[in-house]
Every structure is written in C-alpha cells, then in structure tokens.
Amino acid sequence: MAVEGVMVSYNYSEDEEHANILTVSASGIKFSKRWVLTHGSILSPLQQATIIQKSKGKPILNEEFYNNLPEIYVTCEKKTKGNSLYGGVEKLSRERNLDNDVDFEHSSYNIRVLTGRICHVWQCPILDRCVDDILYSWTIGHRDGDVEKQTRLGKALLSVFVLVDLESDDRGLRTLRPLSELLDMVRPPPERGSTVEVHSTPFGCEVFLNAVTRGSICGIVGKKPSLLLTDAGTALGSEGGPVFTEGPTKELVGCVVCSVSWWRGEWVGLTLAAPLVSVLSAKLRVPPPKIMRALPSHPHAEILERIDSTTVLVRCGMAWGAGVYVGSGYILTCAHVVKNYASYKVSLYCRGVKETAIVRYKTTDDKPYDLALLYTNPQHWNHLTPAVFADDLAEKGESVLAAGYPYYNEGNLDDLKPTVTSGHVNNVSPSMLQTSCCVQSGFSGGPIYRLTKSSTLIEVLGIIVSNAKTQTGACYPYINMAVPVKAFKGVLHNFTLDKDISKLRSLENNKEMIQSQWRLLPYRSKV
C-alpha cells in the first residue's frame, strides 16, 4: 500500500530538564515513502500552538517558527522481507529458536523509527468554518484542568494539519508537491452508512501501533463535505490516523481530527474525521478531482432513504430530539423532548418542510413509558413514509440501526438528514430494549430499526429514550435504552380507530417492577 498509518512523536520538556521530558504523540499518514501527514493536535504543548491560535487561519511562513520545532520521530511497522536466496534458511532458523512458541521475528515485535522535520503547518478553512457553525459549544479533549483554555486551543488546532519531511529540512514551496501527490491518492468520502476502517495508535503506545477499528459513516456535515462522523471507536492519540474504505482495495478517504469530545455535558462517542479531498483541494486551491470510476452503490441506500423519510426532527424551545412518523399527521416522540410544550411551540422539520405540531398526549414526567404523540397537518407531509412497527420482539445480538438529530446547523435545514449509528441488541424485555448503538442528546424519540431480509423494508423495534448515566452525570453513549414496540403498538392501533385520547393513558405504566427497571434499580422480589 502506498499509504500506511504510523505513529508520530517528539520529546518535549517545559524546563529542558531531562527528568521532565515527556513524549508527545499522535497518529499519522505516511505516503510516497518520504512524507507524513498528521494532525495539528500534536503541537498542543508547544509555544507554536499559541502562534497558530492567534494567526486565525493566516498561513504561517515564518522561518523562525519552523526552526524552533522539535525533531519528529515516525514509528512504522517493519516491512516483511521479500523472497531471497536465504529466505528458507532464515525461516528454519527462526523455527528452531522459538522461545515458548513465540516468534519474536513476527512483525508485531519489529518496528522501525524514522526521523524527520515539520516542513509545513496550515489551517483548513473548510474545517475551521465547520468548527464555528457546528462545534462552537463543544468541549474538545479531556474535561480536566482548565476546560475553557483547553477547548479554545483544541478548536484552534482541530482544523490544523502538519506535514513532516523524512528526508530533508527544505521548507520551501516544494511542500505543495507532496500534498498534490496525496490528493491524487485520496478518494471522495463514501456515502452515509458505509463501513470505514480507521488505522491509529492510541495513547502513543507502540503496543497499539496501527490498530484497526471499523465503524460506519453516521453523518456527513457540509456540502463540500467538511466533516465525517463515524462510530468507529478511537481514543486519544488517534488524531491524524488514516480513514480507509472497507474491503481488499482500501482507499484513503479521511484523517481523524478528534477522538474525544464533550457536548452538553455528554461524551460524544463519535469519532470526527476530515475528508482529505476537501482539505487538500482547499489547500491547493483546486477543484476536487473528478471521480474516475463510479463508487459502488451502497447496500443500504434504500434503507437510508426510508429512514430519512420516516425520522423527523422535533424541537420545543431549547430542547430537541427525533420523532417517528406514524402516518395521518401523527408523530411519536419522547415526552421529555416536548416537556415545555405549554410555554413553547413544537416545531417539526423533515426533508425541507417545517411545520408546527400540537401535543395530543404526553406521559407524566419521569415515568415509563417516556412517550408523547404529536399531531400536525398531514397534507404537508405527503412526502413522508409511515413507519412499519415490528410484530416480534427484538433478539439479543441482532444488528440494529439508531437514528436521531444530535448535531445540525439551523442555517442549513434544507440538507438536514438524521445521523444513523449501527450496533446490536444488548438485552431485551417486553418493557425495555437495550442496544449498543452510539446515542447522544438529540436521539431521544428516534427509532431503533431492525434490518430485515428485504433490502427495502426496515421495522421499528423501539423508541429511544436515553443512554446510561451515572449519579455523577457521566453518560455512556454506547449503552442506551428504548421503549420496545410491544409496549405501545396496540395502544396506538386502538387510538387510530376512534381517536379516543383516553386510550393513550395506558402508555403510562404504573407497575412497580417496570418503574424500577427504568430507574435502573434492582427489581427483585422483597419476599
């Protein structure tokens, strides 16, 4: 492969005392044998990071800036030797010298460390605008220490990229040539729902060198596009790692720019990646390259189309979430999403249409099941598709999708699409469905979908209520709870027959065992 994931590091000390030297690291993309692209977060402890923050997007061409940067170490996987005259002898020698059946000549025990210098640092304007429009209220990185100072620096560096030269200290304009070479290698990002593969070295630890994680593209932000959201799991130190398409012919599509972030007090859980086509095209000031061959159609394209035409954004005052279109103008959502409907209007958005809604019924606050039924003029929603509710309970381990609206730009609702994350069913009962889909604020009221054998049919298994939260307020986005269809399908059906609101009261369940279950308390018998 002409492109490979590597670890990029350098030694740093504030007081230049040997006893206080720290190793700062990130992941990176090595290409054309000589060059390495990494992310600007690696510069965070240096004084140059403050210069970048104050430059506000202006190019940094000061020679003194580069002269004071540390020497860079690039750790790569050691390439296996090709067949040679002595290849068989070497193999036999290794086999005879195995220690406890451990082959220490295995590639996992052999690495190579190259040295280089940073030759160019720049800020991507497309990604910088995305930070201002979408990520303005986010916390980047840990929530320890001076959070505000850390977040300001993290946001300033989130759109910064660093080019390392492994062969020369030349920092002239020739640095544009390798970026042009890289642009020829990258591909446009795949469609939402496609599987991607991230190669990274979390925590700057060689044991994790070039670790592989897989996930799906959950959302694409911006028309360019400017940011990719994926549920491929990463950790600190993964910034700069390459993002590839899945399959034997892995093609480079992106670069990790943020692995740990917080929003509204919640850990986001999704990895943020920059599409390299947009980043490099903006840097070189050229139009994105034309696709030489058509990308294969996504296997779930029709399913995503169905999700987009069934999942509605619901907003009430400062609160928002998702809703499921039931048909005839009715939308099912969570009660806590429209908790303040008496003081604020309820607005619905989907596929370029914005309308108001009335709350026909809402369960009591903090009681199962956390559901509300909304009504709006059905004539405005002829382009939507009513949800199909499953007849059978979910099964442990089956694959599911979750849809919601955690992040969106109010200035661009025309292109609004739900974020779709993938996972499986962790646990199931007639009164609660638990999944491993990554769920944040904004998913409340959204559907959990079952993938059926048909490529065009998806069934709603439940309505998302919340993710797991500790008493200290820490949230776990990959552990979440939903109201299963069995708890409300019959009630909704009976209501549609004569529109008798009193029939919806049975949505509020007063059984002690179920209330204890939804409070995540033990519900064993006291007998």
Protein backbone atom coordinates (compact mmCIF):
# COMPACT_ATOMS: atom_id res chain seq x y z
CA MET A 1 0.00 0.00 0.00
CA ALA A 2 1.41 3.42 -0.95
CA VAL A 3 -0.21 4.84 2.18
CA GLU A 4 0.20 3.49 5.71
CA GLY A 5 -0.70 4.51 9.23
CA VAL A 6 2.17 5.48 11.54
CA MET A 7 2.81 6.98 14.98
CA VAL A 8 4.27 10.50 15.06
CA SER A 9 6.05 11.68 18.23
CA TYR A 10 8.66 14.03 19.70
CA ASN A 11 10.26 14.70 23.08
CA TYR A 12 9.18 17.77 25.00
CA SER A 13 10.09 19.47 28.26
CA GLU A 14 8.99 22.89 29.51
CA ASP A 15 12.16 23.41 31.59
CA GLU A 16 14.51 21.36 29.37
CA GLU A 17 15.36 19.12 32.31
CA HIS A 18 16.00 15.52 31.27
CA ALA A 19 14.00 14.23 34.22
CA ASN A 20 10.92 16.11 32.99
CA ILE A 21 10.99 15.08 29.34
CA LEU A 22 7.64 13.88 28.03
CA THR A 23 6.82 12.14 24.77
CA VAL A 24 4.06 13.81 22.76
CA SER A 25 2.42 11.69 20.08
CA ALA A 26 -0.35 11.40 17.52
CA SER A 27 -1.14 9.13 14.61
CA GLY A 28 -0.22 9.95 11.04
CA ILE A 29 -0.38 9.02 7.35
CA LYS A 30 2.90 8.08 5.63
CA PHE A 31 2.85 8.33 1.85
CA SER A 32 5.27 8.37 -1.10
CA LYS A 33 7.96 6.91 1.23
CA ARG A 34 9.15 10.39 2.26
CA TRP A 35 6.20 12.31 3.62
CA VAL A 36 3.94 12.08 6.67
CA LEU A 37 0.69 13.97 7.23
CA THR A 38 -0.53 14.32 10.80
CA HIS A 39 -2.98 16.43 12.78
CA GLY A 40 -2.32 19.78 14.46
CA SER A 41 -3.24 18.46 17.93
CA ILE A 42 0.32 17.12 18.19
CA LEU A 43 1.51 20.73 18.56
CA SER A 44 -0.69 21.50 21.58
CA PRO A 45 2.06 21.65 24.28
CA LEU A 46 4.38 23.85 22.18
CA GLN A 47 4.56 27.64 22.16
CA GLN A 48 3.95 27.47 18.42
CA ALA A 49 0.39 26.33 19.19
CA THR A 50 -0.34 29.78 20.63
CA ILE A 51 1.06 31.37 17.46
CA ILE A 52 -1.30 29.22 15.39
CA GLN A 53 -4.22 30.17 17.61
CA LYS A 54 -3.50 33.88 17.16
CA SER A 55 -2.90 33.58 13.41
CA LYS A 56 -6.63 32.87 12.89
CA GLY A 57 -6.19 30.96 9.68
CA LYS A 58 -3.42 33.02 8.09
CA PRO A 59 -0.60 30.93 6.59
CA ILE A 60 2.48 30.53 8.77
CA LEU A 61 5.57 31.15 6.66
CA ASN A 62 7.93 32.46 9.37
CA GLU A 63 11.23 30.53 9.20
CA GLU A 64 11.83 31.06 12.92
CA PHE A 65 8.54 29.26 13.64
CA TYR A 66 9.80 26.09 11.92
CA ASN A 67 13.40 26.31 13.20
CA ASN A 68 12.19 26.06 16.81
CA LEU A 69 10.05 22.97 16.23
CA PRO A 70 11.37 19.68 17.67
CA GLU A 71 12.74 16.74 15.72
CA ILE A 72 9.99 14.30 14.78
CA TYR A 73 10.07 10.52 15.20
CA VAL A 74 7.89 8.39 12.93
CA THR A 75 7.27 4.82 14.09
CA CYS A 76 6.24 2.39 11.36
CA GLU A 77 5.56 -1.29 11.03
CA LYS A 78 8.60 -3.16 9.80
CA LYS A 79 8.02 -4.47 6.29
CA THR A 80 8.44 -8.18 5.74
CA LYS A 81 11.37 -9.13 3.56
CA GLY A 82 10.69 -10.48 0.11
CA ASN A 83 11.81 -13.90 -1.07
CA SER A 84 15.58 -14.19 -1.19
CA LEU A 85 18.21 -16.84 -1.62
CA TYR A 86 18.43 -17.26 2.13
CA GLY A 87 14.75 -16.89 2.90
CA GLY A 88 14.22 -20.59 3.60
CA VAL A 89 17.31 -20.75 5.84
CA GLU A 90 16.14 -17.72 7.87
CA LYS A 91 12.69 -19.25 8.32
CA LEU A 92 14.18 -22.56 9.51
CA SER A 93 16.48 -20.72 11.91
CA ARG A 94 13.56 -18.84 13.44
CA GLU A 95 11.56 -22.02 13.89
CA ARG A 96 14.45 -23.69 15.72
CA ASN A 97 14.94 -20.76 18.07
CA LEU A 98 11.36 -20.22 19.15
CA ASP A 99 11.07 -19.35 22.83
CA ASN A 100 7.88 -20.86 24.27
CA ASP A 101 6.37 -20.96 20.79
CA VAL A 102 6.70 -17.18 20.47
CA ASP A 103 8.07 -15.99 17.15
CA PHE A 104 9.90 -12.79 18.06
CA GLU A 105 10.56 -12.19 14.39
CA HIS A 106 6.83 -11.57 13.92
CA SER A 107 6.04 -8.11 12.55
CA SER A 108 4.25 -7.13 15.77
CA TYR A 109 7.61 -7.23 17.60
CA ASN A 110 9.53 -5.39 14.90
CA ILE A 111 9.20 -1.71 14.20
CA ARG A 112 11.33 0.93 12.54
CA VAL A 113 11.73 4.51 13.71
CA LEU A 114 12.44 7.26 11.18
CA THR A 115 13.35 10.86 11.91
CA GLY A 116 12.09 13.96 10.17
CA ARG A 117 11.25 17.64 10.47
CA ILE A 118 8.00 19.54 10.26
CA CYS A 119 8.12 21.39 6.96
CA HIS A 120 4.64 22.88 6.74
CA VAL A 121 1.71 23.75 9.02
CA TRP A 122 -1.61 25.07 7.77
CA GLN A 123 -5.23 25.53 8.76
CA CYS A 124 -8.08 24.20 6.62
CA PRO A 125 -10.70 26.97 6.11
CA ILE A 126 -13.50 24.50 5.37
CA LEU A 127 -12.97 22.65 8.64
CA ASP A 128 -12.49 25.92 10.51
CA ARG A 129 -15.93 27.14 9.35
CA CYS A 130 -17.40 23.83 10.49
CA VAL A 131 -15.96 24.44 13.97
CA ASP A 132 -17.65 27.86 14.07
CA ASP A 133 -21.00 26.63 12.72
CA ILE A 134 -21.42 23.23 14.39
CA LEU A 135 -18.83 22.70 17.13
CA TYR A 136 -18.99 26.14 18.78
CA SER A 137 -20.48 24.72 22.00
CA TRP A 138 -18.29 21.60 22.18
CA THR A 139 -15.50 20.73 24.61
CA ILE A 140 -12.53 19.22 22.79
CA GLY A 141 -10.41 16.67 24.64
CA HIS A 142 -10.43 15.90 28.37
CA ARG A 143 -12.68 17.71 30.82
CA ASP A 144 -9.84 18.03 33.35
CA GLY A 145 -7.94 21.16 34.34
CA ASP A 146 -8.72 24.46 32.65
CA VAL A 147 -11.50 23.24 30.35
CA GLU A 148 -12.14 26.61 28.72
CA LYS A 149 -8.48 27.21 27.86
CA GLN A 150 -8.07 23.64 26.64
CA THR A 151 -11.19 23.86 24.46
CA ARG A 152 -10.13 27.16 22.84
CA LEU A 153 -6.78 25.63 21.92
CA GLY A 154 -8.38 22.34 20.85
CA LYS A 155 -10.78 24.11 18.50
CA ALA A 156 -7.99 26.25 17.06
CA LEU A 157 -5.93 23.14 16.30
CA LEU A 158 -8.82 20.95 15.14
CA SER A 159 -8.60 22.34 11.60
CA VAL A 160 -4.77 22.37 11.52
CA PHE A 161 -2.65 19.85 9.59
CA VAL A 162 1.08 19.18 9.75
CA LEU A 163 3.37 17.89 7.00
CA VAL A 164 6.59 16.08 8.01
CA ASP A 165 9.55 15.54 5.67
CA LEU A 166 11.60 12.41 6.44
CA GLU A 167 14.48 13.22 4.11
CA SER A 168 15.20 16.95 4.12
CA ASP A 169 14.97 20.16 6.10
CA ASP A 170 13.84 22.05 2.97
CA ARG A 171 10.75 24.08 3.82
CA GLY A 172 10.27 25.88 0.52
CA LEU A 173 7.20 25.98 -1.68
CA ARG A 174 8.01 22.49 -2.85
CA THR A 175 5.88 21.29 0.08
CA LEU A 176 2.88 21.75 -2.21
CA ARG A 177 4.13 18.95 -4.45
CA PRO A 178 3.66 16.13 -1.90
CA LEU A 179 0.22 17.46 -1.00
CA SER A 180 -0.68 17.33 -4.68
CA GLU A 181 0.58 13.72 -4.80
CA LEU A 182 -1.57 12.86 -1.80
CA LEU A 183 -4.62 14.47 -3.41
CA ASP A 184 -4.16 12.10 -6.35
CA MET A 185 -4.25 9.15 -3.94
CA VAL A 186 -7.33 10.02 -1.92
CA ARG A 187 -10.94 9.27 -2.76
CA PRO A 188 -14.13 11.18 -2.00
CA PRO A 189 -15.76 10.01 1.25
CA PRO A 190 -18.22 7.13 0.93
CA GLU A 191 -21.93 7.59 1.49
CA ARG A 192 -23.57 7.77 4.89
CA GLY A 193 -23.99 4.26 6.24
CA SER A 194 -20.86 2.89 4.53
CA THR A 195 -18.32 0.96 6.58
CA VAL A 196 -14.91 2.56 7.09
CA GLU A 197 -11.68 1.43 8.72
CA VAL A 198 -9.50 3.64 10.95
CA HIS A 199 -5.80 2.88 11.48
CA SER A 200 -4.35 4.64 14.52
CA THR A 201 -2.00 4.36 17.51
CA PRO A 202 -4.00 5.37 20.60
CA PHE A 203 -2.20 6.73 23.68
CA GLY A 204 1.10 6.93 21.76
CA CYS A 205 1.84 3.33 22.75
CA GLU A 206 3.78 1.11 20.34
CA VAL A 207 1.81 -1.90 21.58
CA PHE A 208 -1.22 -0.37 19.80
CA LEU A 209 0.74 0.62 16.68
CA ASN A 210 -1.56 0.95 13.68
CA ALA A 211 -4.52 -0.68 15.43
CA VAL A 212 -7.58 -1.17 13.22
CA THR A 213 -11.15 -0.23 14.19
CA ARG A 214 -14.22 -0.38 11.97
CA GLY A 215 -17.49 1.50 12.02
CA SER A 216 -19.97 3.22 9.74
CA ILE A 217 -20.23 6.76 8.43
CA CYS A 218 -23.03 8.08 10.66
CA GLY A 219 -23.31 11.54 9.20
CA ILE A 220 -21.65 13.91 6.72
CA VAL A 221 -21.54 17.60 7.62
CA GLY A 222 -21.42 20.32 4.98
CA LYS A 223 -21.83 20.33 1.21
CA LYS A 224 -18.10 20.14 0.45
CA PRO A 225 -18.20 17.94 2.70
CA SER A 226 -16.34 19.33 5.72
CA LEU A 227 -16.64 16.69 8.46
CA LEU A 228 -17.38 12.97 8.73
CA LEU A 229 -18.96 11.40 11.82
CA THR A 230 -18.19 7.72 12.40
CA ASP A 231 -18.89 5.26 15.21
CA ALA A 232 -15.51 3.55 14.65
CA GLY A 233 -14.08 3.56 18.17
CA THR A 234 -10.88 5.59 18.72
CA ALA A 235 -9.02 7.06 21.70
CA LEU A 236 -6.67 9.96 22.45
CA GLY A 237 -3.66 9.77 20.17
CA SER A 238 -5.71 8.58 17.20
CA GLU A 239 -5.80 12.09 15.74
CA GLY A 240 -4.02 12.10 12.39
CA GLY A 241 -4.80 8.45 11.69
CA PRO A 242 -5.95 7.49 8.19
CA VAL A 243 -9.55 6.53 7.41
CA PHE A 244 -9.97 3.95 4.65
CA THR A 245 -12.90 2.41 2.83
CA GLU A 246 -13.59 -1.19 3.78
CA GLY A 247 -12.54 -4.07 1.56
CA PRO A 248 -9.44 -5.56 -0.04
CA THR A 249 -8.74 -2.39 -2.05
CA LYS A 250 -8.72 0.00 0.90
CA GLU A 251 -8.79 3.56 -0.37
CA LEU A 252 -7.82 6.59 1.70
CA VAL A 253 -10.75 8.93 2.31
CA GLY A 254 -10.08 10.83 5.54
CA CYS A 255 -7.99 11.74 8.55
CA VAL A 256 -9.07 11.60 12.21
CA VAL A 257 -9.23 15.10 13.72
CA CYS A 258 -10.93 14.43 17.07
CA SER A 259 -11.35 11.24 19.09
CA VAL A 260 -12.55 12.64 22.44
CA SER A 261 -15.07 15.45 22.77
CA TRP A 262 -17.93 16.54 25.00
CA TRP A 263 -21.15 18.34 24.27
CA ARG A 264 -23.86 19.48 26.68
CA GLY A 265 -22.10 17.54 29.43
CA GLU A 266 -22.09 14.28 27.44
CA TRP A 267 -19.24 12.36 25.94
CA VAL A 268 -19.92 12.48 22.20
CA GLY A 269 -18.74 8.94 21.48
CA LEU A 270 -18.35 9.51 17.73
CA THR A 271 -15.01 9.99 16.01
CA LEU A 272 -14.66 13.14 13.89
CA ALA A 273 -12.73 12.79 10.63
CA ALA A 274 -11.86 15.29 7.92
CA PRO A 275 -12.42 14.26 4.28
CA LEU A 276 -8.99 14.67 2.70
CA VAL A 277 -10.43 15.54 -0.71
CA SER A 278 -11.91 18.72 0.78
CA VAL A 279 -8.86 19.52 2.95
CA LEU A 280 -6.27 19.13 0.19
CA SER A 281 -8.36 20.78 -2.53
CA ALA A 282 -8.84 23.83 -0.31
CA LYS A 283 -5.12 23.95 0.48
CA LEU A 284 -4.04 23.66 -3.15
CA ARG A 285 -6.91 25.91 -4.31
CA VAL A 286 -8.02 23.47 -6.95
CA PRO A 287 -11.42 21.87 -7.57
CA PRO A 288 -11.85 18.39 -6.11
CA PRO A 289 -10.71 15.74 -8.61
CA LYS A 290 -13.38 14.13 -10.71
CA ILE A 291 -14.25 10.56 -9.83
CA MET A 292 -12.55 8.40 -12.43
CA ARG A 293 -14.79 5.42 -11.71
CA ALA A 294 -18.18 5.27 -10.11
CA LEU A 295 -18.31 4.34 -6.44
CA PRO A 296 -20.28 1.15 -5.83
CA SER A 297 -23.85 1.79 -4.74
CA HIS A 298 -24.25 1.46 -1.01
CA PRO A 299 -26.02 -1.79 0.00
CA HIS A 300 -28.21 0.10 2.48
CA ALA A 301 -29.00 3.07 0.20
CA GLU A 302 -32.72 2.24 0.02
CA ILE A 303 -32.84 1.63 3.77
CA LEU A 304 -31.29 5.03 4.47
CA GLU A 305 -33.81 6.60 2.10
CA ARG A 306 -36.58 5.01 4.16
CA ILE A 307 -35.03 6.21 7.42
CA ASP A 308 -34.77 9.77 6.06
CA SER A 309 -38.45 9.77 5.09
CA THR A 310 -39.65 8.40 8.46
CA THR A 311 -37.45 10.15 11.07
CA VAL A 312 -38.46 13.73 11.93
CA LEU A 313 -36.61 16.43 13.90
CA VAL A 314 -38.75 17.64 16.83
CA ARG A 315 -37.98 20.93 18.58
CA CYS A 316 -39.60 22.56 21.61
CA GLY A 317 -37.90 25.67 22.97
CA MET A 318 -34.25 24.87 23.65
CA ALA A 319 -34.91 21.12 23.67
CA TRP A 320 -34.92 18.93 20.61
CA GLY A 321 -34.96 15.30 19.66
CA ALA A 322 -36.31 12.99 16.99
CA GLY A 323 -39.69 11.55 16.17
CA VAL A 324 -41.14 8.71 14.12
CA TYR A 325 -43.82 9.44 11.54
CA VAL A 326 -46.76 7.11 12.25
CA GLY A 327 -48.99 8.35 9.42
CA SER A 328 -52.10 10.57 9.07
CA GLY A 329 -50.16 13.50 10.59
CA TYR A 330 -49.14 11.71 13.81
CA ILE A 331 -45.57 11.64 15.13
CA LEU A 332 -44.38 9.55 18.07
CA THR A 333 -41.56 11.02 20.20
CA CYS A 334 -40.37 11.18 23.81
CA ALA A 335 -42.31 13.08 26.45
CA HIS A 336 -39.19 14.84 27.75
CA VAL A 337 -38.49 16.30 24.29
CA VAL A 338 -41.77 18.29 24.44
CA LYS A 339 -41.79 18.72 28.22
CA ASN A 340 -42.27 22.51 27.93
CA TYR A 341 -44.87 22.47 25.15
CA ALA A 342 -47.19 24.69 27.24
CA SER A 343 -44.61 27.51 27.05
CA TYR A 344 -43.01 26.90 23.64
CA LYS A 345 -44.32 25.83 20.28
CA VAL A 346 -43.44 22.42 18.94
CA SER A 347 -41.74 22.52 15.53
CA LEU A 348 -41.14 19.66 13.10
CA TYR A 349 -38.50 19.50 10.36
CA CYS A 350 -38.04 16.87 7.69
CA ARG A 351 -36.92 16.96 4.07
CA GLY A 352 -37.14 20.70 3.60
CA VAL A 353 -40.52 21.10 5.33
CA LYS A 354 -41.02 22.95 8.61
CA GLU A 355 -44.37 22.87 10.42
CA THR A 356 -45.76 23.26 13.92
CA ALA A 357 -47.46 20.47 15.84
CA ILE A 358 -49.75 20.06 18.82
CA VAL A 359 -49.22 17.58 21.64
CA ARG A 360 -52.17 15.19 21.70
CA TYR A 361 -50.85 13.19 24.64
CA LYS A 362 -47.76 13.10 26.85
CA THR A 363 -46.92 10.67 29.66
CA THR A 364 -46.15 12.07 33.10
CA ASP A 365 -42.60 13.33 33.60
CA ASP A 366 -40.04 10.73 34.73
CA LYS A 367 -42.45 7.83 34.40
CA PRO A 368 -42.37 4.94 31.97
CA TYR A 369 -43.06 4.98 29.23
CA ASP A 370 -41.49 8.33 28.24
CA LEU A 371 -43.68 8.88 25.16
CA ALA A 372 -45.68 11.64 23.51
CA LEU A 373 -47.95 11.69 20.46
CA LEU A 374 -47.92 14.82 18.26
CA TYR A 375 -50.29 15.88 15.52
CA THR A 376 -49.71 18.13 12.52
CA ASN A 377 -51.48 18.81 9.24
CA PRO A 378 -50.99 15.58 7.23
CA GLN A 379 -51.31 17.45 3.92
CA HIS A 380 -47.83 18.92 4.50
CA TRP A 381 -46.23 15.51 4.97
CA ASN A 382 -47.26 13.58 1.89
CA HIS A 383 -43.57 13.05 1.09
CA LEU A 384 -43.01 11.07 4.30
CA THR A 385 -43.34 7.30 4.74
CA PRO A 386 -45.18 5.92 7.79
CA ALA A 387 -43.06 3.66 9.98
CA VAL A 388 -43.55 -0.10 9.94
CA PHE A 389 -43.64 -1.42 13.51
CA ALA A 390 -42.26 -4.89 14.20
CA ASP A 391 -44.58 -7.67 15.32
CA ASP A 392 -41.89 -9.69 17.07
CA LEU A 393 -39.66 -8.75 19.99
CA ALA A 394 -36.03 -7.99 19.27
CA GLU A 395 -33.50 -10.74 19.80
CA LYS A 396 -30.23 -10.44 21.68
CA GLY A 397 -27.33 -9.90 19.31
CA GLU A 398 -29.31 -8.90 16.22
CA SER A 399 -27.99 -5.95 14.23
CA VAL A 400 -29.89 -2.67 14.52
CA LEU A 401 -29.66 0.99 13.49
CA ALA A 402 -30.48 4.10 15.53
CA ALA A 403 -31.50 7.43 14.00
CA GLY A 404 -31.62 10.90 15.51
CA TYR A 405 -30.52 14.52 15.21
CA PRO A 406 -27.68 15.16 17.67
CA TYR A 407 -25.89 17.84 15.61
CA TYR A 408 -27.26 20.10 12.93
CA ASN A 409 -26.87 23.60 11.55
CA GLU A 410 -30.04 25.68 11.94
CA GLY A 411 -28.92 27.79 9.00
CA ASN A 412 -28.98 24.80 6.66
CA LEU A 413 -32.11 22.75 7.33
CA ASP A 414 -32.68 22.05 3.64
CA ASP A 415 -29.96 19.37 3.69
CA LEU A 416 -30.99 18.04 7.09
CA LYS A 417 -30.61 14.27 7.42
CA PRO A 418 -30.66 12.12 10.54
CA THR A 419 -27.44 10.75 11.99
CA VAL A 420 -27.56 6.96 11.74
CA THR A 421 -25.44 4.75 14.01
CA SER A 422 -25.12 0.98 13.96
CA GLY A 423 -24.97 -1.60 16.75
CA HIS A 424 -26.70 -4.65 18.11
CA VAL A 425 -29.28 -5.56 20.73
CA ASN A 426 -27.63 -5.98 24.16
CA ASN A 427 -30.70 -7.01 26.10
CA VAL A 428 -34.44 -7.11 25.64
CA SER A 429 -37.61 -7.45 27.71
CA PRO A 430 -41.27 -6.62 26.98
CA SER A 431 -40.74 -3.25 28.70
CA MET A 432 -37.17 -2.25 27.73
CA LEU A 433 -34.85 -2.59 24.76
CA GLN A 434 -31.10 -2.04 25.20
CA THR A 435 -28.69 -1.56 22.29
CA SER A 436 -25.04 -0.72 21.66
CA CYS A 437 -25.77 2.00 19.07
CA CYS A 438 -24.00 5.29 19.79
CA VAL A 439 -26.71 7.61 21.12
CA GLN A 440 -26.42 11.27 22.20
CA SER A 441 -28.83 14.04 23.13
CA GLY A 442 -30.96 14.61 20.04
CA PHE A 443 -31.65 10.89 19.57
CA SER A 444 -34.47 10.93 22.13
CA GLY A 445 -37.71 9.92 20.42
CA GLY A 446 -35.81 8.47 17.48
CA PRO A 447 -36.30 4.91 16.23
CA ILE A 448 -34.32 1.72 16.66
CA TYR A 449 -34.58 -0.09 13.32
CA ARG A 450 -34.36 -3.78 12.57
CA LEU A 451 -32.74 -4.75 9.28
CA THR A 452 -34.98 -7.33 7.66
CA LYS A 453 -34.09 -9.80 4.92
CA SER A 454 -35.63 -7.42 2.42
CA SER A 455 -33.30 -4.70 1.14
CA THR A 456 -36.11 -2.15 1.17
CA LEU A 457 -38.02 -2.95 4.38
CA ILE A 458 -37.00 -1.88 7.85
CA GLU A 459 -39.04 -2.30 11.03
CA VAL A 460 -39.12 -0.08 14.08
CA LEU A 461 -38.21 -2.11 17.18
CA GLY A 462 -38.40 0.72 19.71
CA ILE A 463 -38.28 4.42 20.55
CA ILE A 464 -35.01 5.71 22.03
CA VAL A 465 -35.36 7.31 25.48
CA SER A 466 -31.86 7.79 26.90
CA ASN A 467 -28.38 6.44 27.28
CA ALA A 468 -26.95 5.17 30.56
CA LYS A 469 -25.94 7.85 33.05
CA THR A 470 -24.21 7.61 36.43
CA GLN A 471 -25.15 9.57 39.54
CA THR A 472 -22.22 11.92 38.85
CA GLY A 473 -23.71 12.76 35.44
CA ALA A 474 -21.33 10.77 33.25
CA CYS A 475 -23.06 9.42 30.14
CA TYR A 476 -22.26 6.26 28.21
CA PRO A 477 -23.36 6.71 24.58
CA TYR A 478 -22.90 3.04 23.67
CA ILE A 479 -25.34 1.81 26.33
CA ASN A 480 -28.87 3.06 25.75
CA MET A 481 -32.49 2.22 26.48
CA ALA A 482 -35.56 2.30 24.26
CA VAL A 483 -39.28 1.61 24.69
CA PRO A 484 -40.00 -1.62 22.76
CA VAL A 485 -42.79 -1.65 20.18
CA LYS A 486 -44.70 -4.22 22.23
CA ALA A 487 -45.32 -1.57 24.89
CA PHE A 488 -47.15 0.88 22.61
CA LYS A 489 -48.11 -0.70 19.28
CA GLY A 490 -51.50 -2.00 20.44
CA VAL A 491 -52.33 1.28 22.23
CA LEU A 492 -51.62 3.31 19.09
CA HIS A 493 -53.70 0.97 16.97
CA ASN A 494 -56.70 1.29 19.31
CA PHE A 495 -56.35 5.09 19.30
CA THR A 496 -56.39 5.30 15.50
CA LEU A 497 -59.76 3.53 15.38
CA ASP A 498 -61.76 6.28 17.10
CA LYS A 499 -59.16 8.93 18.15
CA ASP A 500 -60.15 8.49 21.81
CA ILE A 501 -57.37 10.21 23.79
CA SER A 502 -58.25 8.29 26.95
CA LYS A 503 -56.92 5.11 25.31
CA LEU A 504 -53.44 6.63 25.27
CA ARG A 505 -53.32 6.78 29.07
CA SER A 506 -52.23 3.17 29.21
CA LEU A 507 -48.89 4.33 27.75
CA GLU A 508 -48.12 5.49 31.28
CA ASN A 509 -47.13 2.34 33.10
CA ASN A 510 -47.52 2.34 36.89
CA LYS A 511 -46.29 -1.18 37.61
CA GLU A 512 -43.59 -1.06 40.28
CA MET A 513 -41.32 -3.59 38.55
CA ILE A 514 -41.30 -1.64 35.28
CA GLN A 515 -40.76 1.68 37.05
CA SER A 516 -37.79 0.17 38.92
CA GLN A 517 -36.43 -1.19 35.66
CA TRP A 518 -36.50 2.23 34.00
CA ARG A 519 -34.82 3.80 37.04
CA LEU A 520 -32.09 1.17 36.61
CA LEU A 521 -32.82 -0.15 40.10
CA PRO A 522 -32.97 -3.77 41.31
CA TYR A 523 -36.50 -5.13 40.90
CA ARG A 524 -36.08 -8.45 42.69
CA SER A 525 -38.94 -9.58 44.91
CA LYS A 526 -38.72 -8.48 48.53
CA VAL A 527 -40.30 -11.73 49.66
